[in-house]
């Protein structure tokens, strides 16, 4: 049974999603497969880059955040997926050995008009480097969550 439902995700709530340490081998393996830019896969190219050393792909950083979100919130919730978002950024580089702390903040919440058994939550995900507090990842997206108690003041959902 899910422990977290739409009703538990109120605007202004923030959830700590824990921390992770960036593993160099995972970081490079991801880049070799999905984002093989030289400064992500070649230590010498990383040294010559604006980063000054081998840097993680932003998509890898997003994946680290997503894993923390699944493990520390979604897995115990009534999550129904996500239709997407309107913002993603990695404003500072991430390096092997960095410890990153992930959080999620509820920005807005409303019951779906067409599916009253579901709530739509606007969320902001962030990840900061623990050593200096620098923001390394930011996203804004919509999460869909089941209601603990379906809304009674909404019209019934239309049949497909």
N, C-alpha and C. Protein backbone atom coordinates (compact mmCIF):
# COMPACT_ATOMS: atom_id res chain seq x y z
N UNK A 1 0.83 -1.19 0.00
CA UNK A 1 0.00 0.00 0.00
C UNK A 1 0.88 1.25 0.00
N UNK A 2 0.56 2.19 -0.87
CA UNK A 2 1.34 3.44 -0.89
C UNK A 2 1.16 4.21 0.42
N UNK A 3 2.24 4.81 0.88
CA UNK A 3 2.20 5.63 2.08
C UNK A 3 2.00 7.11 1.75
N UNK A 4 2.44 7.52 0.56
CA UNK A 4 2.35 8.93 0.16
C UNK A 4 1.36 9.04 -0.99
N UNK A 5 0.37 9.91 -0.80
CA UNK A 5 -0.65 10.17 -1.81
C UNK A 5 -0.65 11.66 -2.16
N UNK A 6 -1.46 12.01 -3.13
CA UNK A 6 -1.64 13.40 -3.54
C UNK A 6 -1.83 14.32 -2.33
N UNK A 7 -2.68 13.92 -1.40
CA UNK A 7 -3.01 14.78 -0.24
C UNK A 7 -1.79 15.09 0.63
N UNK A 8 -0.76 14.26 0.56
CA UNK A 8 0.44 14.46 1.38
C UNK A 8 1.45 15.42 0.74
N UNK A 9 1.20 15.79 -0.51
CA UNK A 9 2.14 16.61 -1.26
C UNK A 9 1.59 18.03 -1.38
N UNK A 10 1.66 18.75 -0.30
CA UNK A 10 1.08 20.09 -0.24
C UNK A 10 2.10 21.15 -0.65
N UNK A 11 1.64 22.21 -1.34
CA UNK A 11 2.56 23.27 -1.76
C UNK A 11 3.38 23.80 -0.58
N UNK A 12 4.66 23.96 -0.83
CA UNK A 12 5.59 24.41 0.20
C UNK A 12 6.33 23.26 0.88
N UNK A 13 5.84 22.04 0.73
CA UNK A 13 6.51 20.88 1.32
C UNK A 13 7.81 20.60 0.58
N UNK A 14 8.83 20.24 1.34
CA UNK A 14 10.11 19.86 0.77
C UNK A 14 10.49 18.50 1.33
N UNK A 15 11.03 17.64 0.47
CA UNK A 15 11.44 16.31 0.87
C UNK A 15 12.92 16.13 0.58
N UNK A 16 13.66 15.65 1.58
CA UNK A 16 15.07 15.31 1.42
C UNK A 16 15.12 13.94 0.75
N UNK A 17 15.81 13.84 -0.36
CA UNK A 17 15.90 12.60 -1.10
C UNK A 17 17.24 11.89 -0.88
N UNK A 18 18.00 12.35 0.08
CA UNK A 18 19.25 11.70 0.40
C UNK A 18 20.41 12.19 -0.44
N UNK A 19 21.55 11.52 -0.27
CA UNK A 19 22.74 11.92 -0.99
C UNK A 19 23.37 10.71 -1.66
N UNK A 20 24.23 11.00 -2.62
CA UNK A 20 24.98 9.97 -3.34
C UNK A 20 26.35 10.52 -3.67
N UNK A 21 27.31 9.62 -3.80
CA UNK A 21 28.65 10.01 -4.20
C UNK A 21 28.84 9.57 -5.66
N UNK A 22 29.34 10.48 -6.48
CA UNK A 22 29.52 10.21 -7.90
C UNK A 22 30.67 9.23 -8.11
N UNK A 23 30.33 8.11 -8.74
CA UNK A 23 31.31 7.07 -9.05
C UNK A 23 31.92 7.34 -10.43
N UNK A 24 33.23 7.45 -10.50
CA UNK A 24 33.90 7.80 -11.76
C UNK A 24 33.60 6.79 -12.86
N UNK A 25 33.67 5.51 -12.56
CA UNK A 25 33.45 4.49 -13.58
C UNK A 25 32.03 4.56 -14.14
N UNK A 26 31.04 4.74 -13.27
CA UNK A 26 29.65 4.89 -13.73
C UNK A 26 29.48 6.14 -14.58
N UNK A 27 30.11 7.23 -14.12
CA UNK A 27 30.02 8.52 -14.81
C UNK A 27 30.57 8.40 -16.24
N UNK A 28 31.73 7.78 -16.38
CA UNK A 28 32.36 7.64 -17.69
C UNK A 28 31.60 6.64 -18.55
N UNK A 29 31.16 5.53 -17.97
CA UNK A 29 30.41 4.53 -18.74
C UNK A 29 29.13 5.14 -19.30
N UNK A 30 28.43 5.94 -18.51
CA UNK A 30 27.23 6.62 -18.99
C UNK A 30 27.59 7.53 -20.17
N UNK A 31 28.63 8.34 -20.00
CA UNK A 31 29.03 9.28 -21.05
C UNK A 31 29.45 8.55 -22.32
N UNK A 32 30.19 7.47 -22.18
CA UNK A 32 30.62 6.73 -23.36
C UNK A 32 29.41 6.23 -24.16
N UNK A 33 28.36 5.85 -23.46
CA UNK A 33 27.17 5.31 -24.15
C UNK A 33 26.23 6.41 -24.65
N UNK A 34 26.01 7.45 -23.84
CA UNK A 34 24.94 8.40 -24.14
C UNK A 34 25.37 9.83 -24.44
N UNK A 35 26.54 10.25 -24.00
CA UNK A 35 26.96 11.65 -24.16
C UNK A 35 28.48 11.72 -24.31
N UNK A 36 29.02 11.13 -25.39
CA UNK A 36 30.47 10.99 -25.51
C UNK A 36 31.23 12.24 -25.93
N UNK A 37 30.88 13.36 -25.33
CA UNK A 37 31.68 14.56 -25.57
C UNK A 37 33.03 14.36 -24.90
N UNK A 38 34.10 14.87 -25.51
CA UNK A 38 35.46 14.59 -25.00
C UNK A 38 35.65 14.90 -23.52
N UNK A 39 35.11 15.99 -23.01
CA UNK A 39 35.33 16.37 -21.60
C UNK A 39 34.56 15.48 -20.63
N UNK A 40 33.70 14.57 -21.15
CA UNK A 40 33.00 13.59 -20.31
C UNK A 40 33.70 12.23 -20.31
N UNK A 41 34.51 11.95 -21.33
CA UNK A 41 35.08 10.60 -21.46
C UNK A 41 36.61 10.55 -21.45
N UNK A 42 37.27 11.66 -21.73
CA UNK A 42 38.74 11.68 -21.84
C UNK A 42 39.32 12.62 -20.78
N UNK A 43 40.06 12.07 -19.81
CA UNK A 43 40.61 12.92 -18.74
C UNK A 43 41.47 14.09 -19.26
N UNK A 44 42.22 13.86 -20.31
CA UNK A 44 43.06 14.94 -20.86
C UNK A 44 42.19 16.04 -21.48
N UNK A 45 41.16 15.65 -22.20
CA UNK A 45 40.23 16.64 -22.76
C UNK A 45 39.52 17.38 -21.64
N UNK A 46 39.20 16.67 -20.57
CA UNK A 46 38.58 17.32 -19.41
C UNK A 46 39.48 18.38 -18.81
N UNK A 47 40.77 18.09 -18.71
CA UNK A 47 41.73 19.07 -18.17
C UNK A 47 41.81 20.31 -19.04
N UNK A 48 41.72 20.12 -20.36
CA UNK A 48 41.81 21.25 -21.28
C UNK A 48 40.48 22.02 -21.42
N UNK A 49 39.41 21.48 -20.89
CA UNK A 49 38.08 22.09 -21.04
C UNK A 49 37.86 23.21 -20.02
N UNK A 50 36.75 23.87 -20.16
CA UNK A 50 36.37 24.92 -19.20
C UNK A 50 36.17 24.35 -17.79
N UNK A 51 36.00 23.03 -17.69
CA UNK A 51 35.76 22.40 -16.39
C UNK A 51 37.06 22.13 -15.64
N UNK A 52 38.18 22.01 -16.36
CA UNK A 52 39.46 21.76 -15.73
C UNK A 52 39.72 20.32 -15.35
N UNK A 53 38.75 19.48 -15.52
CA UNK A 53 38.89 18.05 -15.26
C UNK A 53 37.70 17.31 -15.88
N UNK A 54 37.75 16.01 -15.86
CA UNK A 54 36.68 15.19 -16.39
C UNK A 54 35.38 15.53 -15.67
N UNK A 55 34.34 15.90 -16.42
CA UNK A 55 33.07 16.32 -15.83
C UNK A 55 31.96 15.36 -16.22
N UNK A 56 31.01 15.19 -15.33
CA UNK A 56 29.86 14.33 -15.59
C UNK A 56 28.94 14.98 -16.62
N UNK A 57 28.30 14.15 -17.42
CA UNK A 57 27.24 14.62 -18.30
C UNK A 57 26.09 15.14 -17.43
N UNK A 58 25.46 16.21 -17.88
CA UNK A 58 24.28 16.70 -17.17
C UNK A 58 23.18 15.66 -17.11
N UNK A 59 23.09 14.84 -18.17
CA UNK A 59 22.07 13.78 -18.19
C UNK A 59 22.38 12.72 -17.14
N UNK A 60 23.65 12.47 -16.87
CA UNK A 60 24.04 11.55 -15.80
C UNK A 60 23.60 12.13 -14.46
N UNK A 61 23.85 13.42 -14.27
CA UNK A 61 23.44 14.09 -13.03
C UNK A 61 21.93 14.00 -12.87
N UNK A 62 21.19 14.22 -13.95
CA UNK A 62 19.73 14.09 -13.89
C UNK A 62 19.33 12.66 -13.50
N UNK A 63 20.06 11.68 -14.02
CA UNK A 63 19.78 10.29 -13.67
C UNK A 63 20.04 10.01 -12.20
N UNK A 64 21.09 10.59 -11.63
CA UNK A 64 21.35 10.44 -10.20
C UNK A 64 20.21 11.02 -9.37
N UNK A 65 19.73 12.20 -9.80
CA UNK A 65 18.61 12.81 -9.09
C UNK A 65 17.37 11.91 -9.19
N UNK A 66 17.09 11.41 -10.39
CA UNK A 66 15.90 10.57 -10.60
C UNK A 66 15.96 9.33 -9.72
N UNK A 67 17.13 8.72 -9.61
CA UNK A 67 17.26 7.54 -8.76
C UNK A 67 16.93 7.87 -7.30
N UNK A 68 17.41 9.01 -6.83
CA UNK A 68 17.11 9.44 -5.46
C UNK A 68 15.61 9.68 -5.28
N UNK A 69 14.98 10.27 -6.28
CA UNK A 69 13.53 10.55 -6.25
C UNK A 69 12.74 9.24 -6.18
N UNK A 70 13.10 8.27 -6.99
CA UNK A 70 12.42 6.98 -6.98
C UNK A 70 12.63 6.28 -5.64
N UNK A 71 13.86 6.19 -5.20
CA UNK A 71 14.17 5.45 -3.98
C UNK A 71 13.57 6.07 -2.73
N UNK A 72 13.48 7.39 -2.68
CA UNK A 72 13.12 8.06 -1.44
C UNK A 72 11.74 8.70 -1.42
N UNK A 73 11.01 8.68 -2.53
CA UNK A 73 9.64 9.21 -2.53
C UNK A 73 8.72 8.36 -3.40
N UNK A 74 9.04 8.20 -4.66
CA UNK A 74 8.11 7.53 -5.58
C UNK A 74 7.81 6.09 -5.19
N UNK A 75 8.82 5.35 -4.79
CA UNK A 75 8.63 3.93 -4.50
C UNK A 75 7.56 3.70 -3.44
N UNK A 76 7.39 4.58 -2.50
CA UNK A 76 6.39 4.42 -1.45
C UNK A 76 5.17 5.29 -1.66
N UNK A 77 4.88 5.62 -2.91
CA UNK A 77 3.80 6.57 -3.18
C UNK A 77 2.78 6.00 -4.17
N UNK A 78 1.76 6.78 -4.40
CA UNK A 78 0.73 6.44 -5.39
C UNK A 78 1.04 7.08 -6.74
N UNK A 79 2.32 7.25 -7.05
CA UNK A 79 2.76 7.90 -8.30
C UNK A 79 2.18 7.19 -9.51
N UNK A 80 1.75 8.01 -10.48
CA UNK A 80 1.15 7.49 -11.71
C UNK A 80 1.93 7.93 -12.95
N UNK A 81 3.14 8.45 -12.78
CA UNK A 81 3.94 8.90 -13.91
C UNK A 81 4.03 10.40 -13.98
N UNK A 82 4.49 10.87 -15.13
CA UNK A 82 4.67 12.31 -15.34
C UNK A 82 4.52 12.62 -16.82
N UNK A 83 3.77 13.69 -17.14
CA UNK A 83 3.67 14.10 -18.54
C UNK A 83 4.84 14.97 -19.00
N UNK A 84 5.76 15.30 -18.08
CA UNK A 84 6.93 16.09 -18.46
C UNK A 84 7.06 17.36 -17.65
N UNK A 85 7.92 18.24 -18.14
CA UNK A 85 8.18 19.47 -17.42
C UNK A 85 8.54 20.60 -18.35
N UNK A 86 8.99 21.70 -17.75
CA UNK A 86 9.31 22.88 -18.56
C UNK A 86 10.66 23.49 -18.22
N UNK A 87 11.47 22.78 -17.40
CA UNK A 87 12.77 23.33 -17.04
C UNK A 87 13.68 22.20 -16.60
N UNK A 88 14.89 22.22 -17.10
CA UNK A 88 15.95 21.34 -16.60
C UNK A 88 17.26 22.07 -16.83
N UNK A 89 18.12 22.05 -15.83
CA UNK A 89 19.40 22.74 -15.95
C UNK A 89 20.42 22.09 -15.04
N UNK A 90 21.67 22.17 -15.44
CA UNK A 90 22.80 21.76 -14.61
C UNK A 90 23.75 22.95 -14.58
N UNK A 91 23.50 23.89 -13.65
CA UNK A 91 24.23 25.16 -13.63
C UNK A 91 25.69 25.10 -13.20
N UNK A 92 26.12 23.98 -12.65
CA UNK A 92 27.53 23.84 -12.26
C UNK A 92 27.96 22.40 -12.55
N UNK A 93 29.23 22.21 -12.87
CA UNK A 93 29.70 20.86 -13.20
C UNK A 93 29.74 19.93 -11.99
N UNK A 94 29.68 18.65 -12.31
CA UNK A 94 29.78 17.58 -11.32
C UNK A 94 31.00 16.75 -11.68
N UNK A 95 31.75 16.35 -10.65
CA UNK A 95 32.98 15.60 -10.84
C UNK A 95 32.96 14.30 -10.05
N UNK A 96 33.76 13.35 -10.49
CA UNK A 96 33.89 12.09 -9.77
C UNK A 96 34.26 12.37 -8.32
N UNK A 97 33.61 11.66 -7.41
CA UNK A 97 33.86 11.83 -5.99
C UNK A 97 32.99 12.86 -5.30
N UNK A 98 32.29 13.70 -6.08
CA UNK A 98 31.39 14.68 -5.46
C UNK A 98 30.27 13.96 -4.72
N UNK A 99 29.95 14.45 -3.54
CA UNK A 99 28.75 13.99 -2.85
C UNK A 99 27.65 14.99 -3.16
N UNK A 100 26.52 14.48 -3.64
CA UNK A 100 25.40 15.32 -4.05
C UNK A 100 24.17 15.01 -3.21
N UNK A 101 23.48 16.06 -2.75
CA UNK A 101 22.25 15.89 -1.97
C UNK A 101 21.07 16.35 -2.82
N UNK A 102 20.05 15.48 -2.90
CA UNK A 102 18.87 15.74 -3.71
C UNK A 102 17.68 16.13 -2.84
N UNK A 103 16.86 17.05 -3.36
CA UNK A 103 15.62 17.43 -2.69
C UNK A 103 14.52 17.61 -3.73
N UNK A 104 13.30 17.63 -3.24
CA UNK A 104 12.16 17.95 -4.09
C UNK A 104 11.23 18.85 -3.30
N UNK A 105 10.70 19.86 -4.00
CA UNK A 105 9.78 20.82 -3.39
C UNK A 105 8.48 20.80 -4.16
N UNK A 106 7.38 20.80 -3.42
CA UNK A 106 6.05 20.87 -4.04
C UNK A 106 5.72 22.35 -4.26
N UNK A 107 5.52 22.72 -5.52
CA UNK A 107 5.20 24.12 -5.87
C UNK A 107 3.71 24.36 -5.97
N UNK A 108 2.96 23.39 -6.50
CA UNK A 108 1.52 23.55 -6.72
C UNK A 108 0.89 22.17 -6.75
N UNK A 109 -0.39 22.12 -6.42
CA UNK A 109 -1.13 20.85 -6.44
C UNK A 109 -2.59 21.12 -6.77
N UNK A 110 -3.14 20.28 -7.65
CA UNK A 110 -4.56 20.39 -7.97
C UNK A 110 -5.07 19.03 -8.41
N UNK A 111 -6.35 18.81 -8.17
CA UNK A 111 -7.00 17.58 -8.61
C UNK A 111 -7.28 17.73 -10.11
N UNK A 112 -7.05 16.67 -10.84
CA UNK A 112 -7.31 16.68 -12.28
C UNK A 112 -8.81 16.87 -12.54
N UNK A 113 -9.14 17.75 -13.49
CA UNK A 113 -10.55 17.97 -13.85
C UNK A 113 -11.12 16.76 -14.61
N UNK A 114 -10.31 16.15 -15.44
CA UNK A 114 -10.81 15.04 -16.25
C UNK A 114 -10.68 13.68 -15.56
N UNK A 115 -9.80 13.59 -14.56
CA UNK A 115 -9.60 12.33 -13.83
C UNK A 115 -9.54 12.63 -12.34
N UNK A 116 -10.70 12.76 -11.70
CA UNK A 116 -10.73 13.19 -10.30
C UNK A 116 -10.08 12.23 -9.31
N UNK A 117 -9.70 11.07 -9.75
CA UNK A 117 -8.97 10.14 -8.87
C UNK A 117 -7.47 10.43 -8.85
N UNK A 118 -7.06 11.44 -9.61
CA UNK A 118 -5.65 11.76 -9.78
C UNK A 118 -5.38 13.24 -9.49
N UNK A 119 -4.25 13.49 -8.84
CA UNK A 119 -3.81 14.86 -8.61
C UNK A 119 -2.59 15.17 -9.44
N UNK A 120 -2.48 16.43 -9.84
CA UNK A 120 -1.33 16.92 -10.60
C UNK A 120 -0.50 17.82 -9.70
N UNK A 121 0.75 17.48 -9.55
CA UNK A 121 1.64 18.19 -8.64
C UNK A 121 2.76 18.83 -9.46
N UNK A 122 2.96 20.14 -9.29
CA UNK A 122 4.11 20.80 -9.89
C UNK A 122 5.25 20.71 -8.89
N UNK A 123 6.37 20.16 -9.35
CA UNK A 123 7.50 19.86 -8.48
C UNK A 123 8.79 20.52 -8.98
N UNK A 124 9.65 20.89 -8.05
CA UNK A 124 10.99 21.38 -8.38
C UNK A 124 11.99 20.43 -7.74
N UNK A 125 12.80 19.80 -8.57
CA UNK A 125 13.87 18.95 -8.08
C UNK A 125 15.18 19.71 -8.10
N UNK A 126 15.98 19.51 -7.07
CA UNK A 126 17.29 20.15 -7.03
C UNK A 126 18.32 19.16 -6.49
N UNK A 127 19.58 19.44 -6.83
CA UNK A 127 20.69 18.67 -6.30
C UNK A 127 21.83 19.65 -6.08
N UNK A 128 22.41 19.58 -4.89
CA UNK A 128 23.52 20.45 -4.51
C UNK A 128 24.75 19.60 -4.16
N UNK A 129 25.91 20.16 -4.45
CA UNK A 129 27.15 19.52 -4.02
C UNK A 129 27.28 19.76 -2.51
N UNK A 130 27.49 18.72 -1.75
CA UNK A 130 27.54 18.82 -0.29
C UNK A 130 28.72 19.66 0.18
N UNK A 131 29.87 19.52 -0.45
CA UNK A 131 31.09 20.20 0.04
C UNK A 131 31.00 21.71 0.01
N UNK A 132 30.29 22.28 -0.96
CA UNK A 132 30.23 23.74 -1.06
C UNK A 132 28.81 24.30 -1.22
N UNK A 133 27.81 23.44 -1.26
CA UNK A 133 26.42 23.89 -1.36
C UNK A 133 26.00 24.38 -2.73
N UNK A 134 26.86 24.22 -3.74
CA UNK A 134 26.57 24.73 -5.08
C UNK A 134 25.47 23.89 -5.73
N UNK A 135 24.52 24.58 -6.36
CA UNK A 135 23.45 23.93 -7.11
C UNK A 135 24.03 23.33 -8.39
N UNK A 136 23.85 22.01 -8.59
CA UNK A 136 24.37 21.36 -9.79
C UNK A 136 23.27 20.82 -10.69
N UNK A 137 22.03 20.80 -10.20
CA UNK A 137 20.90 20.27 -10.98
C UNK A 137 19.62 20.95 -10.52
N UNK A 138 18.77 21.26 -11.52
CA UNK A 138 17.45 21.85 -11.22
C UNK A 138 16.48 21.37 -12.29
N UNK A 139 15.27 21.04 -11.86
CA UNK A 139 14.21 20.70 -12.81
C UNK A 139 12.86 21.13 -12.25
N UNK A 140 11.92 21.32 -13.16
CA UNK A 140 10.55 21.65 -12.79
C UNK A 140 9.66 20.80 -13.71
N UNK A 141 8.76 20.04 -13.10
CA UNK A 141 7.94 19.12 -13.87
C UNK A 141 6.64 18.83 -13.13
N UNK A 142 5.76 18.10 -13.79
CA UNK A 142 4.48 17.70 -13.20
C UNK A 142 4.54 16.23 -12.85
N UNK A 143 4.12 15.91 -11.65
CA UNK A 143 3.97 14.52 -11.22
C UNK A 143 2.49 14.22 -11.07
N UNK A 144 2.10 13.01 -11.42
CA UNK A 144 0.71 12.58 -11.26
C UNK A 144 0.65 11.57 -10.12
N UNK A 145 -0.24 11.81 -9.16
CA UNK A 145 -0.36 10.96 -7.98
C UNK A 145 -1.81 10.62 -7.72
N UNK A 146 -2.04 9.40 -7.28
CA UNK A 146 -3.39 8.99 -6.91
C UNK A 146 -3.82 9.64 -5.61
N UNK A 147 -5.12 9.90 -5.52
CA UNK A 147 -5.68 10.46 -4.30
C UNK A 147 -5.97 9.33 -3.31
N UNK A 148 -5.80 9.64 -2.04
CA UNK A 148 -6.17 8.70 -0.99
C UNK A 148 -7.68 8.52 -1.00
N UNK A 149 -8.36 9.64 -1.13
CA UNK A 149 -9.82 9.67 -1.22
C UNK A 149 -10.18 10.45 -2.47
N UNK A 150 -10.77 9.80 -3.48
CA UNK A 150 -11.14 10.54 -4.70
C UNK A 150 -12.03 11.74 -4.39
N UNK A 151 -11.81 12.81 -5.13
CA UNK A 151 -12.59 14.04 -4.95
C UNK A 151 -14.05 13.77 -5.27
N UNK A 152 -14.94 14.32 -4.45
CA UNK A 152 -16.37 14.10 -4.68
C UNK A 152 -17.03 15.27 -5.36
N UNK A 153 -16.35 16.42 -5.42
CA UNK A 153 -16.96 17.60 -6.03
C UNK A 153 -16.56 17.75 -7.50
N UNK A 154 -15.92 16.73 -8.05
CA UNK A 154 -15.49 16.77 -9.44
C UNK A 154 -16.45 15.92 -10.28
N UNK A 155 -16.67 16.29 -11.54
CA UNK A 155 -17.49 15.45 -12.42
C UNK A 155 -16.80 14.11 -12.65
N UNK A 156 -17.58 13.10 -12.89
CA UNK A 156 -17.03 11.77 -13.17
C UNK A 156 -16.17 11.80 -14.42
N UNK A 157 -15.13 11.01 -14.42
CA UNK A 157 -14.25 10.93 -15.59
C UNK A 157 -15.01 10.34 -16.76
N UNK A 158 -14.72 10.84 -17.95
CA UNK A 158 -15.35 10.33 -19.17
C UNK A 158 -14.76 8.97 -19.51
N UNK A 159 -15.58 8.13 -20.03
CA UNK A 159 -15.11 6.84 -20.50
C UNK A 159 -14.35 7.06 -21.80
N UNK A 160 -13.29 6.27 -22.02
CA UNK A 160 -12.49 6.43 -23.26
C UNK A 160 -13.27 6.07 -24.50
